[in-house]
PDB file of N, CA and C in Angstrom:
ATOM      1  N   MET A   1       0.873  -1.239   0.001  1.00  0.00           N
ATOM      2  CA  MET A   1      -0.006   0.009   0.037  1.00  0.00           C
ATOM      3  C   MET A   1       0.897   1.295  -0.074  1.00  0.00           C
ATOM      4  N   SER A   2       0.579   2.158  -0.824  1.00  0.00           N
ATOM      5  CA  SER A   2       1.269   3.417  -0.879  1.00  0.00           C
ATOM      6  C   SER A   2       0.319   4.501  -0.585  1.00  0.00           C
ATOM      7  N   SER A   3       0.807   5.619   0.136  1.00  0.00           N
ATOM      8  CA  SER A   3      -0.022   6.429   0.514  1.00  0.00           C
ATOM      9  C   SER A   3       0.783   7.900   0.477  1.00  0.00           C
ATOM     10  N   LYS A   4       0.315   9.122   0.111  1.00  0.00           N
ATOM     11  CA  LYS A   4       0.890  10.359   0.306  1.00  0.00           C
ATOM     12  C   LYS A   4       0.329  11.168   1.398  1.00  0.00           C
ATOM     13  N   THR A   5       1.260  11.803   2.203  1.00  0.00           N
ATOM     14  CA  THR A   5       0.747  12.780   3.186  1.00  0.00           C
ATOM     15  C   THR A   5       1.643  14.004   3.141  1.00  0.00           C
ATOM     16  N   THR A   6       1.239  15.051   4.025  1.00  0.00           N
ATOM     17  CA  THR A   6       2.034  16.275   4.019  1.00  0.00           C
ATOM     18  C   THR A   6       2.524  16.553   5.295  1.00  0.00           C
ATOM     19  N   LEU A   7       3.806  17.048   5.472  1.00  0.00           N
ATOM     20  CA  LEU A   7       4.309  17.548   6.723  1.00  0.00           C
ATOM     21  C   LEU A   7       3.578  18.706   7.174  1.00  0.00           C
ATOM     22  N   ARG A   8       3.231  18.706   8.367  1.00  0.00           N
ATOM     23  CA  ARG A   8       2.504  19.897   8.957  1.00  0.00           C
ATOM     24  C   ARG A   8       3.100  20.398  10.201  1.00  0.00           C
ATOM     25  N   LYS A   9       3.070  21.642  10.456  1.00  0.00           N
ATOM     26  CA  LYS A   9       3.683  22.303  11.611  1.00  0.00           C
ATOM     27  C   LYS A   9       3.001  22.052  12.863  1.00  0.00           C
ATOM     28  N   ILE A  10       3.619  21.566  13.883  1.00  0.00           N
ATOM     29  CA  ILE A  10       3.097  21.099  15.142  1.00  0.00           C
ATOM     30  C   ILE A  10       3.880  21.811  16.190  1.00  0.00           C
ATOM     31  N   GLY A  11       3.640  23.067  16.727  1.00  0.00           N
ATOM     32  CA  GLY A  11       4.464  23.832  17.533  1.00  0.00           C
ATOM     33  C   GLY A  11       5.837  24.182  16.847  1.00  0.00           C
ATOM     34  N   ASN A  12       7.091  23.805  17.402  1.00  0.00           N
ATOM     35  CA  ASN A  12       8.237  24.140  16.911  1.00  0.00           C
ATOM     36  C   ASN A  12       8.704  22.824  15.941  1.00  0.00           C
ATOM     37  N   SER A  13       7.801  21.893  15.757  1.00  0.00           N
ATOM     38  CA  SER A  13       8.265  20.601  15.052  1.00  0.00           C
ATOM     39  C   SER A  13       7.418  20.464  13.796  1.00  0.00           C
ATOM     40  N   LEU A  14       7.648  19.407  13.149  1.00  0.00           N
ATOM     41  CA  LEU A  14       6.880  19.002  11.913  1.00  0.00           C
ATOM     42  C   LEU A  14       6.199  17.578  12.281  1.00  0.00           C
ATOM     43  N   GLY A  15       5.107  17.398  11.869  1.00  0.00           N
ATOM     44  CA  GLY A  15       4.419  16.125  12.031  1.00  0.00           C
ATOM     45  C   GLY A  15       3.828  15.485  10.786  1.00  0.00           C
ATOM     46  N   ILE A  16       3.622  14.294  10.800  1.00  0.00           N
ATOM     47  CA  ILE A  16       3.093  13.543   9.661  1.00  0.00           C
ATOM     48  C   ILE A  16       1.686  13.097  10.108  1.00  0.00           C
ATOM     49  N   ILE A  17       0.602  13.334   9.408  1.00  0.00           N
ATOM     50  CA  ILE A  17      -0.678  12.784   9.592  1.00  0.00           C
ATOM     51  C   ILE A  17      -0.870  11.587   8.685  1.00  0.00           C
ATOM     52  N   LEU A  18      -1.153  10.409   9.461  1.00  0.00           N
ATOM     53  CA  LEU A  18      -1.289   9.133   8.671  1.00  0.00           C
ATOM     54  C   LEU A  18      -2.866   8.978   8.511  1.00  0.00           C
ATOM     55  N   PRO A  19      -3.018   8.469   7.292  1.00  0.00           N
ATOM     56  CA  PRO A  19      -4.435   8.261   7.067  1.00  0.00           C
ATOM     57  C   PRO A  19      -5.066   6.963   7.986  1.00  0.00           C
ATOM     58  N   ARG A  20      -6.273   6.975   8.280  1.00  0.00           N
ATOM     59  CA  ARG A  20      -6.915   6.065   9.060  1.00  0.00           C
ATOM     60  C   ARG A  20      -6.646   4.623   8.784  1.00  0.00           C
ATOM     61  N   PRO A  21      -6.898   4.296   7.346  1.00  0.00           N
ATOM     62  CA  PRO A  21      -6.537   2.854   6.906  1.00  0.00           C
ATOM     63  C   PRO A  21      -5.095   2.404   7.451  1.00  0.00           C
ATOM     64  N   LEU A  22      -4.139   3.220   7.224  1.00  0.00           N
ATOM     65  CA  LEU A  22      -2.917   2.788   7.715  1.00  0.00           C
ATOM     66  C   LEU A  22      -2.611   2.573   9.033  1.00  0.00           C
ATOM     67  N   LEU A  23      -3.382   3.482   9.921  1.00  0.00           N
ATOM     68  CA  LEU A  23      -3.264   3.464  11.397  1.00  0.00           C
ATOM     69  C   LEU A  23      -4.044   2.056  11.794  1.00  0.00           C
ATOM     70  N   ASP A  24      -5.083   1.829  11.079  1.00  0.00           N
ATOM     71  CA  ASP A  24      -5.822   0.614  11.523  1.00  0.00           C
ATOM     72  C   ASP A  24      -5.105  -0.614  11.049  1.00  0.00           C
ATOM     73  N   GLN A  25      -4.494  -0.725   9.874  1.00  0.00           N
ATOM     74  CA  GLN A  25      -3.746  -1.784   9.365  1.00  0.00           C
ATOM     75  C   GLN A  25      -2.555  -2.163  10.343  1.00  0.00           C
ATOM     76  N   PHE A  26      -1.828  -1.117  10.933  1.00  0.00           N
ATOM     77  CA  PHE A  26      -0.668  -1.479  11.664  1.00  0.00           C
ATOM     78  C   PHE A  26      -1.029  -1.320  13.169  1.00  0.00           C
ATOM     79  N   GLY A  27      -2.224  -1.084  13.637  1.00  0.00           N
ATOM     80  CA  GLY A  27      -2.602  -1.057  15.046  1.00  0.00           C
ATOM     81  C   GLY A  27      -2.103   0.142  15.743  1.00  0.00           C
ATOM     82  N   PHE A  28      -1.870   1.207  15.110  1.00  0.00           N
ATOM     83  CA  PHE A  28      -1.481   2.393  15.713  1.00  0.00           C
ATOM     84  C   PHE A  28      -2.723   3.228  16.294  1.00  0.00           C
ATOM     85  N   SER A  29      -2.542   3.826  17.242  1.00  0.00           N
ATOM     86  CA  SER A  29      -3.806   4.769  18.003  1.00  0.00           C
ATOM     87  C   SER A  29      -3.052   5.774  18.705  1.00  0.00           C
ATOM     88  N   GLU A  30      -3.829   6.687  19.127  1.00  0.00           N
ATOM     89  CA  GLU A  30      -3.446   8.012  19.780  1.00  0.00           C
ATOM     90  C   GLU A  30      -2.590   7.544  21.071  1.00  0.00           C
ATOM     91  N   GLY A  31      -1.473   8.165  21.139  1.00  0.00           N
ATOM     92  CA  GLY A  31      -0.698   7.902  22.416  1.00  0.00           C
ATOM     93  C   GLY A  31       0.259   6.734  22.303  1.00  0.00           C
ATOM     94  N   CYS A  32       0.125   5.925  21.250  1.00  0.00           N
ATOM     95  CA  CYS A  32       0.891   4.870  20.901  1.00  0.00           C
ATOM     96  C   CYS A  32       2.383   5.283  20.515  1.00  0.00           C
ATOM     97  N   GLU A  33       3.301   4.642  21.175  1.00  0.00           N
ATOM     98  CA  GLU A  33       4.689   4.873  20.917  1.00  0.00           C
ATOM     99  C   GLU A  33       5.214   4.240  19.591  1.00  0.00           C
ATOM    100  N   ILE A  34       5.751   5.022  18.607  1.00  0.00           N
ATOM    101  CA  ILE A  34       6.388   4.334  17.542  1.00  0.00           C
ATOM    102  C   ILE A  34       7.911   4.479  17.510  1.00  0.00           C
ATOM    103  N   GLN A  35       8.542   3.706  16.961  1.00  0.00           N
ATOM    104  CA  GLN A  35       9.919   3.972  16.739  1.00  0.00           C
ATOM    105  C   GLN A  35      10.173   4.349  15.175  1.00  0.00           C
ATOM    106  N   VAL A  36      11.123   5.268  15.008  1.00  0.00           N
ATOM    107  CA  VAL A  36      11.327   5.665  13.635  1.00  0.00           C
ATOM    108  C   VAL A  36      12.787   5.237  13.354  1.00  0.00           C
ATOM    109  N   ILE A  37      13.029   4.334  12.362  1.00  0.00           N
ATOM    110  CA  ILE A  37      14.348   3.897  12.112  1.00  0.00           C
ATOM    111  C   ILE A  37      14.735   4.278  10.697  1.00  0.00           C
ATOM    112  N   VAL A  38      16.002   4.814  10.552  1.00  0.00           N
ATOM    113  CA  VAL A  38      16.542   5.315   9.386  1.00  0.00           C
ATOM    114  C   VAL A  38      17.260   4.126   8.492  1.00  0.00           C
ATOM    115  N   THR A  39      16.643   3.927   7.400  1.00  0.00           N
ATOM    116  CA  THR A  39      17.160   2.934   6.488  1.00  0.00           C
ATOM    117  C   THR A  39      17.782   3.454   5.247  1.00  0.00           C
ATOM    118  N   PRO A  40      18.478   2.748   4.522  1.00  0.00           N
ATOM    119  CA  PRO A  40      18.918   3.315   3.097  1.00  0.00           C
ATOM    120  C   PRO A  40      17.659   3.774   2.165  1.00  0.00           C
ATOM    121  N   GLU A  41      16.759   2.890   2.273  1.00  0.00           N
ATOM    122  CA  GLU A  41      15.519   3.191   1.507  1.00  0.00           C
ATOM    123  C   GLU A  41      14.689   4.319   1.914  1.00  0.00           C
ATOM    124  N   GLY A  42      14.893   4.814   3.384  1.00  0.00           N
ATOM    125  CA  GLY A  42      13.964   5.838   3.800  1.00  0.00           C
ATOM    126  C   GLY A  42      13.773   5.713   5.237  1.00  0.00           C
ATOM    127  N   LEU A  43      12.541   5.988   5.815  1.00  0.00           N
ATOM    128  CA  LEU A  43      12.192   5.898   7.248  1.00  0.00           C
ATOM    129  C   LEU A  43      11.398   4.579   7.388  1.00  0.00           C
ATOM    130  N   LEU A  44      11.490   3.854   8.433  1.00  0.00           N
ATOM    131  CA  LEU A  44      10.668   2.781   8.842  1.00  0.00           C
ATOM    132  C   LEU A  44       9.978   3.071  10.122  1.00  0.00           C
ATOM    133  N   LEU A  45       8.637   2.976  10.207  1.00  0.00           N
ATOM    134  CA  LEU A  45       7.872   3.231  11.576  1.00  0.00           C
ATOM    135  C   LEU A  45       7.396   1.784  11.981  1.00  0.00           C
ATOM    136  N   SER A  46       7.703   1.790  13.285  1.00  0.00           N
ATOM    137  CA  SER A  46       7.189   0.355  13.907  1.00  0.00           C
ATOM    138  C   SER A  46       6.830   0.795  15.366  1.00  0.00           C
ATOM    139  N   HIS A  47       6.075  -0.096  15.817  1.00  0.00           N
ATOM    140  CA  HIS A  47       5.727  -0.117  17.298  1.00  0.00           C
ATOM    141  C   HIS A  47       6.977   0.044  18.109  1.00  0.00           C
ATOM    142  N   ALA A  48       7.132   0.914  19.082  1.00  0.00           N
ATOM    143  CA  ALA A  48       8.360   0.840  19.805  1.00  0.00           C
ATOM    144  C   ALA A  48       8.367  -0.258  20.704  1.00  0.00           C
ATOM    145  N   ASP A  49       9.554  -1.017  20.872  1.00  0.00           N
ATOM    146  CA  ASP A  49       9.676  -2.157  21.628  1.00  0.00           C
ATOM    147  C   ASP A  49      10.810  -1.725  22.744  1.00  0.00           C
ATOM    148  N   PRO A  50      10.321  -1.812  23.938  1.00  0.00           N
ATOM    149  CA  PRO A  50      11.325  -1.359  25.052  1.00  0.00           C
ATOM    150  C   PRO A  50      12.566  -2.076  25.020  1.00  0.00           C
ATOM    151  N   LEU A  51      12.641  -3.469  24.720  1.00  0.00           N
ATOM    152  CA  LEU A  51      13.931  -4.188  24.664  1.00  0.00           C
ATOM    153  C   LEU A  51      14.887  -3.743  23.596  1.00  0.00           C
ATOM    154  N   VAL A  52      14.310  -3.265  22.386  1.00  0.00           N
ATOM    155  CA  VAL A  52      15.010  -2.817  21.261  1.00  0.00           C
ATOM    156  C   VAL A  52      15.601  -1.413  21.776  1.00  0.00           C
ATOM    157  N   ALA A  53      14.882  -0.540  22.422  1.00  0.00           N
ATOM    158  CA  ALA A  53      15.222   0.658  22.722  1.00  0.00           C
ATOM    159  C   ALA A  53      16.445   0.528  23.876  1.00  0.00           C
ATOM    160  N   GLU A  54      16.190  -0.390  24.757  1.00  0.00           N
ATOM    161  CA  GLU A  54      17.354  -0.741  25.674  1.00  0.00           C
ATOM    162  C   GLU A  54      18.700  -1.126  24.997  1.00  0.00           C
ATOM    163  N   ALA A  55      18.580  -2.078  24.187  1.00  0.00           N
ATOM    164  CA  ALA A  55      19.588  -2.587  23.469  1.00  0.00           C
ATOM    165  C   ALA A  55      20.374  -1.461  22.600  1.00  0.00           C
ATOM    166  N   MET A  56      19.569  -0.548  22.016  1.00  0.00           N
ATOM    167  CA  MET A  56      20.053   0.512  21.357  1.00  0.00           C
ATOM    168  C   MET A  56      20.849   1.575  22.220  1.00  0.00           C
ATOM    169  N   LYS A  57      20.387   1.760  23.319  1.00  0.00           N
ATOM    170  CA  LYS A  57      21.015   2.698  24.418  1.00  0.00           C
ATOM    171  C   LYS A  57      22.286   2.053  24.863  1.00  0.00           C
ATOM    172  N   ALA A  58      22.232   0.641  24.914  1.00  0.00           N
ATOM    173  CA  ALA A  58      23.563   0.194  25.399  1.00  0.00           C
ATOM    174  C   ALA A  58      24.603   0.058  24.374  1.00  0.00           C
ATOM    175  N   THR A  59      24.067  -0.055  23.112  1.00  0.00           N
ATOM    176  CA  THR A  59      25.074  -0.159  21.962  1.00  0.00           C
ATOM    177  C   THR A  59      25.642   1.268  21.683  1.00  0.00           C
ATOM    178  N   HIS A  60      24.791   2.410  22.018  1.00  0.00           N
ATOM    179  CA  HIS A  60      25.387   3.737  21.780  1.00  0.00           C
ATOM    180  C   HIS A  60      26.364   4.078  22.977  1.00  0.00           C
ATOM    181  N   ASP A  61      26.000   3.473  24.183  1.00  0.00           N
ATOM    182  CA  ASP A  61      26.985   3.802  25.225  1.00  0.00           C
ATOM    183  C   ASP A  61      28.261   3.079  24.958  1.00  0.00           C
ATOM    184  N   PHE A  62      28.210   1.930  24.571  1.00  0.00           N
ATOM    185  CA  PHE A  62      29.337   1.084  24.046  1.00  0.00           C
ATOM    186  C   PHE A  62      30.245   1.784  23.092  1.00  0.00           C
ATOM    187  N   MET A  63      29.610   2.178  22.036  1.00  0.00           N
ATOM    188  CA  MET A  63      30.261   2.808  20.919  1.00  0.00           C
ATOM    189  C   MET A  63      30.848   4.323  21.282  1.00  0.00           C
ATOM    190  N   ARG A  64      30.228   4.955  22.322  1.00  0.00           N
ATOM    191  CA  ARG A  64      30.801   6.110  22.771  1.00  0.00           C
ATOM    192  C   ARG A  64      32.036   5.926  23.660  1.00  0.00           C
ATOM    193  N   ARG A  65      31.842   4.887  24.428  1.00  0.00           N
ATOM    194  CA  ARG A  65      33.070   4.410  25.392  1.00  0.00           C
ATOM    195  C   ARG A  65      34.326   4.208  24.722  1.00  0.00           C
ATOM    196  N   TYR A  66      34.090   3.300  23.518  1.00  0.00           N
ATOM    197  CA  TYR A  66      35.113   2.670  22.867  1.00  0.00           C
ATOM    198  C   TYR A  66      35.357   3.219  21.421  1.00  0.00           C
ATOM    199  N   ARG A  67      35.023   4.621  21.403  1.00  0.00           N
ATOM    200  CA  ARG A  67      35.006   5.273  20.125  1.00  0.00           C
ATOM    201  C   ARG A  67      36.408   5.184  19.481  1.00  0.00           C
ATOM    202  N   LYS A  68      37.465   5.397  20.114  1.00  0.00           N
ATOM    203  CA  LYS A  68      38.874   5.270  19.612  1.00  0.00           C
ATOM    204  C   LYS A  68      39.258   3.828  19.170  1.00  0.00           C
ATOM    205  N   THR A  69      38.769   2.987  19.932  1.00  0.00           N
ATOM    206  CA  THR A  69      39.291   1.566  19.650  1.00  0.00           C
ATOM    207  C   THR A  69      38.317   1.123  18.396  1.00  0.00           C
ATOM    208  N   LEU A  70      37.185   1.466  18.281  1.00  0.00           N
ATOM    209  CA  LEU A  70      36.442   1.101  17.113  1.00  0.00           C
ATOM    210  C   LEU A  70      36.942   1.866  15.972  1.00  0.00           C
ATOM    211  N   ALA A  71      37.258   3.112  16.006  1.00  0.00           N
ATOM    212  CA  ALA A  71      37.964   3.814  14.877  1.00  0.00           C
ATOM    213  C   ALA A  71      39.228   3.145  14.379  1.00  0.00           C
ATOM    214  N   GLU A  72      40.011   2.577  15.291  1.00  0.00           N
ATOM    215  CA  GLU A  72      41.279   1.797  14.892  1.00  0.00           C
ATOM    216  C   GLU A  72      40.844   0.527  14.255  1.00  0.00           C
ATOM    217  N   LEU A  73      39.953  -0.161  14.774  1.00  0.00           N
ATOM    218  CA  LEU A  73      39.566  -1.376  14.221  1.00  0.00           C
ATOM    219  C   LEU A  73      38.934  -1.169  12.784  1.00  0.00           C
ATOM    220  N   ALA A  74      38.234  -0.163  12.571  1.00  0.00           N
ATOM    221  CA  ALA A  74      37.629   0.194  11.116  1.00  0.00           C
ATOM    222  C   ALA A  74      38.812   0.373  10.134  1.00  0.00           C
ATOM    223  N   LYS A  75      40.017   0.761  10.660  1.00  0.00           N
ATOM    224  CA  LYS A  75      41.141   0.955   9.757  1.00  0.00           C
ATOM    225  C   LYS A  75      41.549  -0.254   9.023  1.00  0.00           C
ATOM    226  N   SER A  76      41.501  -1.257   9.664  1.00  0.00           N
ATOM    227  CA  SER A  76      42.062  -2.703   9.202  1.00  0.00           C
ATOM    228  C   SER A  76      41.072  -3.314   8.239  1.00  0.00           C
TER     229      SER A  76
END
C-alpha cells in the first residue's frame, strides 16, 4: 500500500498525519509509541519495543565509550 501525506507544523516541530486505513492496518492509535528507524530506503515506522530501545541505548553507550578503539579497528 502506498499513501501520500504532507508534513504539518506542530509547535516548533513538523508532524506527519497518517491516514486512518494505515493506522488501522498497523494497529497504531493515539498515544501509541512508535519507533522511527532510518534505513537506506527511507524511514521505517514500527511499534516501539522497550527491549530494542534498551539494546540501542547500550550499543550507543558502548560505541561512545570505545570510540577510539572502534575507529582503529575500522582502519584494518
